[in-house]
Amino acid sequence: MDQPFASVEATFKAFGEIVSPGKVEFFQRLGVDLVMGDRIGARFQDAYTGRWYFNCHSNGGVFNLGHRNSAVAEALRAALLELDVGNHHLVSGWRSELGDRLLSTVDETLTKVVFTASGSEAVDSVIKAARGATGRAGVVSIEGAWHGNTGFAYSASDQAYRTAFGPEIGGFTQVPFDDLAALEMAVTEDTALVIIEPIPATLAMPVASDGYFAAVSDVCRKQGTMLAFDEVQTGLGRTGHLWGHHHFGVIPDAVITGKGLSGGFYPMGAALMTEALFEPFAGDPFAHTSTFGGSEVGSRAAIAVLDALEVPGFLERVSAAADRFRAGFEGAPFEMRGVGLMTALKFGGEDAGLMAAKLLIDAGVFVVFANGDTSAVQFLPPLTVTDQEIDDIVAIIRGVFG
């Protein structure tokens, strides 16, 4: 694959000067000078060394269907011959078709869709809607969480992500994950929304206690508070169910999606809402718009993503793949935790995940440490990973850690 710069050194120099000197400094300190080149399925190639890596981060679920999935690529290619992004002010059949397909996957109480160009923007739309629908300002989220980098979304994220950006928006409170007593204390008659990931990614995929989410829902209903599940990473098959909250039997007021909805090609996000939550958008249809939200070419690609996920046996295969990884890691000096392939490898001590990420990248398995729990690496292989690829990944990891 052609690159705009002749060497990895030139690429890093340009990136540091133009885009992010801090990111270049971080990777140089870690000793990782990787630049993505060719990519296909579960793997990508270093653009300059030619070495291939298994992608076990998948960009947080963007590559749920692997790199350059042929069905999604073909759908997008066909759309580009006929369409462009369309006009967000106008009625669109493709946007309607995608919305109908998404709503068919959730409880019938969710009947409306707000399209966005990213998960962050989708989170923002839900928080705006909850504040408008309830007339309240309060939002409760989870300590260590990451919900995005736009105004309300970053305000609902962990304090560590907010300190660089000056005075904060008021009304946002955070509580520990799986701590019902803390949540009950935080949710009051002034709380508009509780937003939570079914399995928090930046916390290295902890699994809540039995009954936790049902109790969270009860607390919200008691206080007249809306409940939103941020499924930007846990959704679209990652857990072995189409949506992570389906494991817990809880019906929220909103389900937020993004990342994997893109198929790895075209940025897409969406918020699925109840009528009550959607009411502020219904009152003034031009109060909230997104130029690229639900773009027509992107909608065609996202429909192809849903087609792939709904093939009979696909979700069962995700669970089987997770079981094969767990069997392969039995007796290893780390814990594989999570649900389905929404997983992390948790090691013994603080920063062990950072060291483990470096060792695994050097060995040919690309992972990223969990920012909210540095004892772990996020482990998110594509949902389409084959048995042979699973065995190869396990062999590499066992070769590093035993």
Protein backbone atom coordinates (compact mmCIF):
# COMPACT_ATOMS: atom_id res chain seq x y z
CA MET A 1 0.00 0.00 0.00
CA ASP A 2 1.36 3.42 -0.96
CA GLN A 3 2.09 5.86 1.89
CA PRO A 4 2.35 9.66 1.68
CA PHE A 5 5.75 9.61 3.39
CA ALA A 6 8.82 7.59 2.43
CA SER A 7 9.70 6.27 5.89
CA VAL A 8 8.19 5.57 9.28
CA GLU A 9 10.44 8.28 10.73
CA ALA A 10 9.04 10.85 8.29
CA THR A 11 5.49 9.74 9.07
CA PHE A 12 6.00 10.09 12.83
CA LYS A 13 7.71 13.47 12.36
CA ALA A 14 4.84 14.85 10.28
CA PHE A 15 2.19 13.45 12.63
CA GLY A 16 3.96 14.96 15.61
CA GLU A 17 4.25 18.36 13.99
CA ILE A 18 0.74 18.52 12.53
CA VAL A 19 -1.64 16.21 14.41
CA SER A 20 -0.50 15.11 17.88
CA PRO A 21 2.98 15.52 19.34
CA GLY A 22 1.79 13.88 22.56
CA LYS A 23 0.68 10.73 20.78
CA VAL A 24 3.99 10.46 18.93
CA GLU A 25 5.89 10.94 22.20
CA PHE A 26 3.79 8.25 23.91
CA PHE A 27 4.38 5.63 21.21
CA GLN A 28 8.06 6.44 20.92
CA ARG A 29 8.42 6.07 24.69
CA LEU A 30 6.63 2.72 24.45
CA GLY A 31 8.85 1.66 21.57
CA VAL A 32 5.97 1.17 19.12
CA ASP A 33 6.49 2.69 15.67
CA LEU A 34 3.59 0.95 13.97
CA VAL A 35 1.79 2.48 10.97
CA MET A 36 -1.16 0.60 9.47
CA GLY A 37 -0.76 -0.45 5.85
CA ASP A 38 -2.68 -3.24 4.10
CA ARG A 39 -5.46 -4.78 6.12
CA ILE A 40 -7.91 -7.64 5.64
CA GLY A 41 -10.13 -9.67 7.97
CA ALA A 42 -8.59 -10.10 11.43
CA ARG A 43 -5.16 -8.73 10.48
CA PHE A 44 -3.32 -5.65 9.32
CA GLN A 45 0.20 -5.07 8.03
CA ASP A 46 2.82 -2.58 9.13
CA ALA A 47 3.15 -0.15 6.25
CA TYR A 48 6.95 -0.02 6.42
CA THR A 49 8.18 -3.35 7.83
CA GLY A 50 5.58 -5.55 6.11
CA ARG A 51 4.91 -7.44 9.34
CA TRP A 52 1.36 -8.68 9.90
CA TYR A 53 -0.52 -8.24 13.20
CA PHE A 54 -3.70 -9.78 14.53
CA ASN A 55 -6.04 -6.90 15.39
CA CYS A 56 -7.37 -7.73 18.85
CA HIS A 57 -8.50 -4.20 19.55
CA SER A 58 -10.71 -3.69 16.48
CA ASN A 59 -10.75 0.06 17.18
CA GLY A 60 -13.22 -0.50 20.00
CA GLY A 61 -15.57 -2.52 17.80
CA VAL A 62 -15.33 -0.53 14.56
CA PHE A 63 -13.99 -3.69 12.93
CA ASN A 64 -16.53 -6.10 14.41
CA LEU A 65 -16.82 -7.63 10.92
CA GLY A 66 -13.09 -7.48 10.30
CA HIS A 67 -11.12 -5.15 8.07
CA ARG A 68 -12.60 -4.45 4.63
CA ASN A 69 -15.56 -6.80 5.00
CA SER A 70 -16.50 -7.70 1.44
CA ALA A 71 -20.29 -7.50 1.84
CA VAL A 72 -20.17 -4.06 3.46
CA ALA A 73 -17.60 -2.86 0.94
CA GLU A 74 -19.81 -3.96 -1.93
CA ALA A 75 -22.87 -2.25 -0.44
CA LEU A 76 -20.92 0.98 -0.05
CA ARG A 77 -19.42 0.69 -3.52
CA ALA A 78 -22.89 0.27 -5.03
CA ALA A 79 -24.21 3.20 -3.00
CA LEU A 80 -21.40 5.47 -4.17
CA LEU A 81 -22.41 4.82 -7.77
CA GLU A 82 -25.91 6.15 -7.06
CA LEU A 83 -25.86 8.35 -3.95
CA ASP A 84 -23.96 10.80 -1.79
CA VAL A 85 -24.65 11.89 1.79
CA GLY A 86 -28.00 13.39 0.85
CA ASN A 87 -29.50 16.40 2.63
CA HIS A 88 -30.20 16.13 6.34
CA HIS A 89 -33.13 18.54 6.05
CA LEU A 90 -35.02 16.32 3.62
CA VAL A 91 -36.99 13.11 4.02
CA SER A 92 -34.91 10.02 3.14
CA GLY A 93 -36.03 6.50 2.37
CA TRP A 94 -32.59 5.03 3.12
CA ARG A 95 -32.44 6.74 6.51
CA SER A 96 -35.94 5.44 7.24
CA GLU A 97 -35.00 1.90 6.18
CA LEU A 98 -31.95 1.85 8.46
CA GLY A 99 -33.98 3.27 11.35
CA ASP A 100 -36.65 0.60 10.92
CA ARG A 101 -34.01 -2.13 10.84
CA LEU A 102 -32.39 -0.84 14.03
CA LEU A 103 -35.68 -0.50 15.89
CA SER A 104 -36.62 -4.05 14.95
CA THR A 105 -33.70 -5.27 17.09
CA VAL A 106 -34.80 -3.65 20.38
CA ASP A 107 -37.88 -3.63 22.59
CA GLU A 108 -41.01 -2.23 20.98
CA THR A 109 -41.08 0.64 23.48
CA LEU A 110 -38.19 2.20 21.55
CA THR A 111 -39.82 3.67 18.46
CA LYS A 112 -37.70 6.61 17.31
CA VAL A 113 -34.14 7.10 15.99
CA VAL A 114 -31.84 10.11 16.02
CA PHE A 115 -28.97 9.66 13.55
CA THR A 116 -25.51 11.07 14.13
CA ALA A 117 -22.02 10.82 12.67
CA SER A 118 -20.44 9.34 15.81
CA GLY A 119 -21.13 7.67 19.13
CA SER A 120 -20.15 10.84 20.98
CA GLU A 121 -22.78 12.83 19.11
CA ALA A 122 -25.36 10.12 19.78
CA VAL A 123 -24.62 10.31 23.51
CA ASP A 124 -24.99 14.09 23.34
CA SER A 125 -28.37 13.75 21.65
CA VAL A 126 -29.65 11.44 24.41
CA ILE A 127 -28.48 13.71 27.22
CA LYS A 128 -30.02 16.74 25.49
CA ALA A 129 -33.27 14.87 25.01
CA ALA A 130 -33.42 13.68 28.64
CA ARG A 131 -32.83 17.19 29.96
CA GLY A 132 -35.49 18.55 27.63
CA ALA A 133 -38.04 15.81 28.28
CA THR A 134 -37.73 15.88 32.08
CA GLY A 135 -36.92 19.54 32.66
CA ARG A 136 -34.07 18.38 34.89
CA ALA A 137 -30.31 18.98 34.62
CA GLY A 138 -28.75 16.06 36.49
CA VAL A 139 -26.90 13.21 34.76
CA VAL A 140 -25.40 10.21 36.58
CA SER A 141 -22.72 8.04 34.98
CA ILE A 142 -19.98 5.64 36.06
CA GLU A 143 -16.53 6.50 37.42
CA GLY A 144 -13.89 5.59 34.84
CA ALA A 145 -16.40 5.64 31.99
CA TRP A 146 -15.83 7.05 28.53
CA HIS A 147 -18.86 8.28 26.60
CA GLY A 148 -17.21 10.53 24.02
CA ASN A 149 -15.49 13.83 23.42
CA THR A 150 -18.36 16.21 22.65
CA GLY A 151 -19.78 18.56 25.28
CA PHE A 152 -22.35 16.51 27.19
CA ALA A 153 -20.68 13.19 26.30
CA TYR A 154 -17.33 14.20 27.73
CA SER A 155 -19.07 15.67 30.78
CA ALA A 156 -20.51 12.22 31.47
CA SER A 157 -17.06 10.64 31.07
CA ASP A 158 -14.48 10.21 33.82
CA GLN A 159 -12.86 13.25 35.40
CA ALA A 160 -9.52 12.27 33.87
CA TYR A 161 -10.84 13.11 30.40
CA ARG A 162 -12.23 16.52 31.39
CA THR A 163 -9.52 18.35 33.31
CA ALA A 164 -7.68 19.68 30.24
CA PHE A 165 -10.68 21.61 28.95
CA GLY A 166 -11.41 24.26 31.52
CA PRO A 167 -14.61 24.89 33.51
CA GLU A 168 -17.04 22.01 33.46
CA ILE A 169 -20.74 21.80 32.70
CA GLY A 170 -22.71 21.47 35.93
CA GLY A 171 -25.11 18.70 36.90
CA PHE A 172 -22.93 15.66 36.18
CA THR A 173 -22.27 13.07 38.91
CA GLN A 174 -20.35 9.80 38.81
CA VAL A 175 -20.58 6.69 40.95
CA PRO A 176 -18.64 3.41 41.02
CA PHE A 177 -19.78 0.63 38.71
CA ASP A 178 -21.82 -2.14 40.33
CA ASP A 179 -22.39 -0.06 43.48
CA LEU A 180 -26.15 0.15 43.83
CA ALA A 181 -26.08 2.05 47.12
CA ALA A 182 -23.97 4.82 45.57
CA LEU A 183 -26.32 5.02 42.60
CA GLU A 184 -29.38 5.24 44.85
CA MET A 185 -27.76 8.14 46.70
CA ALA A 186 -26.87 9.95 43.46
CA VAL A 187 -30.19 9.61 41.61
CA THR A 188 -32.67 12.17 42.90
CA GLU A 189 -35.76 13.99 41.71
CA ASP A 190 -33.37 16.38 39.92
CA THR A 191 -31.74 13.61 37.84
CA ALA A 192 -32.70 13.58 34.16
CA LEU A 193 -30.67 10.58 33.05
CA VAL A 194 -28.55 7.65 34.12
CA ILE A 195 -26.19 6.59 31.34
CA ILE A 196 -24.19 3.41 31.62
CA GLU A 197 -22.36 0.86 29.49
CA PRO A 198 -23.63 -2.70 30.05
CA ILE A 199 -19.95 -3.71 30.23
CA PRO A 200 -17.65 -0.69 30.73
CA ALA A 201 -14.82 -0.85 28.20
CA THR A 202 -12.34 1.55 29.78
CA LEU A 203 -12.72 -0.28 33.11
CA ALA A 204 -11.52 -3.49 31.40
CA MET A 205 -14.93 -5.13 30.95
CA PRO A 206 -16.11 -5.85 34.51
CA VAL A 207 -19.38 -7.79 34.69
CA ALA A 208 -22.02 -6.49 37.08
CA SER A 209 -23.51 -8.53 39.90
CA ASP A 210 -26.70 -10.44 39.20
CA GLY A 211 -29.68 -8.13 39.47
CA TYR A 212 -27.65 -4.92 39.32
CA PHE A 213 -29.15 -3.56 36.10
CA ALA A 214 -32.69 -4.50 37.11
CA ALA A 215 -32.14 -2.58 40.33
CA VAL A 216 -30.69 0.39 38.42
CA SER A 217 -33.83 0.41 36.28
CA ASP A 218 -36.02 0.32 39.39
CA VAL A 219 -34.16 3.29 40.90
CA CYS A 220 -34.67 5.28 37.70
CA ARG A 221 -38.36 4.47 37.47
CA LYS A 222 -38.88 5.42 41.12
CA GLN A 223 -37.34 8.85 40.55
CA GLY A 224 -38.83 9.50 37.12
CA THR A 225 -35.32 9.38 35.63
CA MET A 226 -34.49 8.21 32.12
CA LEU A 227 -32.11 5.26 31.61
CA ALA A 228 -29.75 5.01 28.63
CA PHE A 229 -27.42 2.18 27.68
CA ASP A 230 -24.30 3.29 25.84
CA GLU A 231 -23.83 0.33 23.48
CA VAL A 232 -21.28 1.95 21.18
CA GLN A 233 -18.91 -0.91 22.05
CA THR A 234 -21.14 -3.56 23.64
CA GLY A 235 -23.71 -3.54 20.84
CA LEU A 236 -23.99 -5.10 17.39
CA GLY A 237 -23.12 -8.65 18.39
CA ARG A 238 -20.01 -8.06 20.48
CA THR A 239 -21.37 -9.87 23.57
CA GLY A 240 -22.99 -12.76 21.70
CA HIS A 241 -26.37 -10.99 21.80
CA LEU A 242 -27.16 -8.22 19.35
CA TRP A 243 -27.21 -5.77 22.27
CA GLY A 244 -25.37 -6.08 25.57
CA HIS A 245 -28.40 -5.10 27.64
CA HIS A 246 -30.27 -8.11 26.27
CA HIS A 247 -28.25 -10.25 28.72
CA PHE A 248 -29.90 -8.49 31.67
CA GLY A 249 -33.57 -8.33 30.69
CA VAL A 250 -33.80 -4.57 31.27
CA ILE A 251 -35.65 -2.18 28.94
CA PRO A 252 -34.04 1.28 28.77
CA ASP A 253 -35.31 4.59 27.46
CA ALA A 254 -32.42 4.80 24.98
CA VAL A 255 -29.88 2.56 23.29
CA ILE A 256 -26.84 4.31 21.79
CA THR A 257 -24.80 2.81 18.97
CA GLY A 258 -21.88 3.75 16.75
CA LYS A 259 -18.44 2.32 15.87
CA GLY A 260 -19.45 -1.10 14.45
CA LEU A 261 -22.44 0.43 12.66
CA SER A 262 -19.87 1.90 10.28
CA GLY A 263 -18.75 -1.52 9.06
CA GLY A 264 -15.28 -0.02 9.33
CA PHE A 265 -15.92 2.22 6.33
CA TYR A 266 -18.32 5.11 6.92
CA PRO A 267 -18.83 6.95 10.25
CA MET A 268 -22.28 6.26 11.67
CA GLY A 269 -24.01 6.69 15.01
CA ALA A 270 -27.57 6.48 16.26
CA ALA A 271 -29.68 6.83 19.38
CA LEU A 272 -32.79 4.65 19.64
CA MET A 273 -35.38 6.28 21.91
CA THR A 274 -38.80 5.95 23.45
CA GLU A 275 -41.52 8.40 22.44
CA ALA A 276 -41.21 10.16 25.80
CA LEU A 277 -37.48 10.72 25.45
CA PHE A 278 -37.80 11.77 21.81
CA GLU A 279 -40.41 14.44 22.60
CA PRO A 280 -38.01 17.44 22.44
CA PHE A 281 -37.01 16.45 18.90
CA ALA A 282 -40.65 16.06 17.89
CA GLY A 283 -41.53 19.50 19.18
CA ASP A 284 -39.00 21.26 16.95
CA PRO A 285 -37.54 19.05 14.18
CA PHE A 286 -34.86 21.63 13.35
CA ALA A 287 -33.66 22.21 16.91
CA HIS A 288 -31.14 19.37 16.53
CA THR A 289 -29.65 18.45 13.17
CA SER A 290 -26.58 16.53 12.02
CA THR A 291 -25.28 17.21 8.52
CA PHE A 292 -23.76 13.76 8.14
CA GLY A 293 -26.03 11.89 10.56
CA GLY A 294 -27.72 8.98 8.78
CA SER A 295 -26.08 9.87 5.49
CA GLU A 296 -27.55 7.91 2.61
CA VAL A 297 -24.34 6.17 1.55
CA GLY A 298 -23.60 5.41 5.20
CA SER A 299 -27.10 4.04 5.71
CA ARG A 300 -26.57 1.57 2.89
CA ALA A 301 -23.33 0.37 4.51
CA ALA A 302 -24.98 0.11 7.94
CA ILE A 303 -27.86 -1.93 6.52
CA ALA A 304 -25.26 -4.37 5.17
CA VAL A 305 -23.76 -4.56 8.67
CA LEU A 306 -27.15 -5.53 10.11
CA ASP A 307 -27.62 -8.07 7.31
CA ALA A 308 -24.36 -9.74 8.34
CA LEU A 309 -25.21 -9.77 12.04
CA GLU A 310 -28.64 -11.28 11.39
CA VAL A 311 -27.39 -14.25 9.38
CA PRO A 312 -28.64 -17.36 11.26
CA GLY A 313 -25.94 -18.67 13.57
CA PHE A 314 -23.78 -15.52 13.55
CA LEU A 315 -24.33 -14.60 17.20
CA GLU A 316 -23.99 -18.20 18.32
CA ARG A 317 -20.64 -18.27 16.53
CA VAL A 318 -19.50 -15.21 18.55
CA SER A 319 -20.22 -17.07 21.78
CA ALA A 320 -18.45 -20.17 20.49
CA ALA A 321 -15.41 -18.10 19.55
CA ALA A 322 -15.33 -16.62 23.05
CA ASP A 323 -15.52 -20.11 24.55
CA ARG A 324 -12.61 -21.24 22.36
CA PHE A 325 -10.48 -18.32 23.56
CA ARG A 326 -11.35 -19.05 27.19
CA ALA A 327 -10.43 -22.71 26.80
CA GLY A 328 -7.15 -21.73 25.15
CA PHE A 329 -6.30 -19.35 28.00
CA GLU A 330 -7.11 -21.81 30.78
CA GLY A 331 -4.29 -21.78 33.32
CA ALA A 332 -2.71 -18.60 31.90
CA PRO A 333 -1.39 -15.95 34.34
CA PHE A 334 -4.23 -13.57 33.57
CA GLU A 335 -8.01 -13.47 33.76
CA MET A 336 -10.10 -13.24 30.61
CA ARG A 337 -13.18 -11.38 31.75
CA GLY A 338 -16.26 -9.99 30.08
CA VAL A 339 -19.13 -11.46 28.04
CA GLY A 340 -18.85 -12.96 24.56
CA LEU A 341 -16.00 -11.15 22.79
CA MET A 342 -16.46 -7.98 24.85
CA THR A 343 -13.44 -8.99 26.89
CA ALA A 344 -10.23 -7.94 28.60
CA LEU A 345 -7.11 -9.76 29.78
CA LYS A 346 -6.51 -8.68 33.37
CA PHE A 347 -3.06 -9.10 34.88
CA GLY A 348 -1.74 -8.79 38.41
CA GLY A 349 -0.74 -5.23 39.15
CA GLU A 350 -1.14 -1.59 38.23
CA ASP A 351 0.36 -0.75 34.81
CA ALA A 352 0.74 -4.46 34.04
CA GLY A 353 -1.66 -3.94 31.15
CA LEU A 354 0.60 -1.29 29.67
CA MET A 355 3.57 -3.65 29.79
CA ALA A 356 1.46 -6.53 28.47
CA ALA A 357 0.28 -4.41 25.52
CA LYS A 358 3.87 -3.69 24.55
CA LEU A 359 4.86 -7.37 24.77
CA LEU A 360 1.83 -8.50 22.74
CA ILE A 361 2.34 -5.89 20.03
CA ASP A 362 5.97 -6.96 19.76
CA ALA A 363 4.75 -10.55 19.39
CA GLY A 364 2.26 -9.68 16.63
CA VAL A 365 -1.04 -9.21 18.50
CA PHE A 366 -2.27 -5.61 18.56
CA VAL A 367 -4.08 -4.67 21.78
CA VAL A 368 -4.60 -1.48 23.78
CA PHE A 369 -4.42 -1.22 27.56
CA ALA A 370 -7.56 -0.27 29.48
CA ASN A 371 -7.24 3.40 30.39
CA GLY A 372 -9.43 3.08 33.48
CA ASP A 373 -7.73 -0.10 34.71
CA THR A 374 -4.09 -0.20 33.69
CA SER A 375 -3.71 -3.74 35.02
CA ALA A 376 -5.54 -4.98 31.91
CA VAL A 377 -5.59 -4.88 28.12
CA GLN A 378 -8.78 -4.67 26.13
CA PHE A 379 -9.18 -7.85 24.07
CA LEU A 380 -11.57 -7.25 21.17
CA PRO A 381 -10.85 -9.49 18.18
CA PRO A 382 -13.21 -9.24 15.21
CA LEU A 383 -16.43 -11.20 15.61
CA THR A 384 -15.58 -12.95 12.35
CA VAL A 385 -12.33 -14.46 13.69
CA THR A 386 -11.90 -18.08 12.54
CA ASP A 387 -11.02 -21.09 14.67
CA GLN A 388 -7.57 -21.23 13.12
CA GLU A 389 -7.01 -17.55 13.83
CA ILE A 390 -8.18 -18.06 17.41
CA ASP A 391 -5.69 -20.88 17.85
CA ASP A 392 -2.91 -18.78 16.33
CA ILE A 393 -3.69 -15.80 18.60
CA VAL A 394 -3.85 -18.05 21.67
CA ALA A 395 -0.52 -19.64 20.73
CA ILE A 396 1.15 -16.24 20.40
CA ILE A 397 -0.23 -14.98 23.72
CA ARG A 398 0.62 -18.21 25.54
CA GLY A 399 4.09 -17.98 24.04
CA VAL A 400 4.49 -14.59 25.69
CA PHE A 401 2.90 -15.28 29.08
CA GLY A 402 2.83 -19.05 29.41
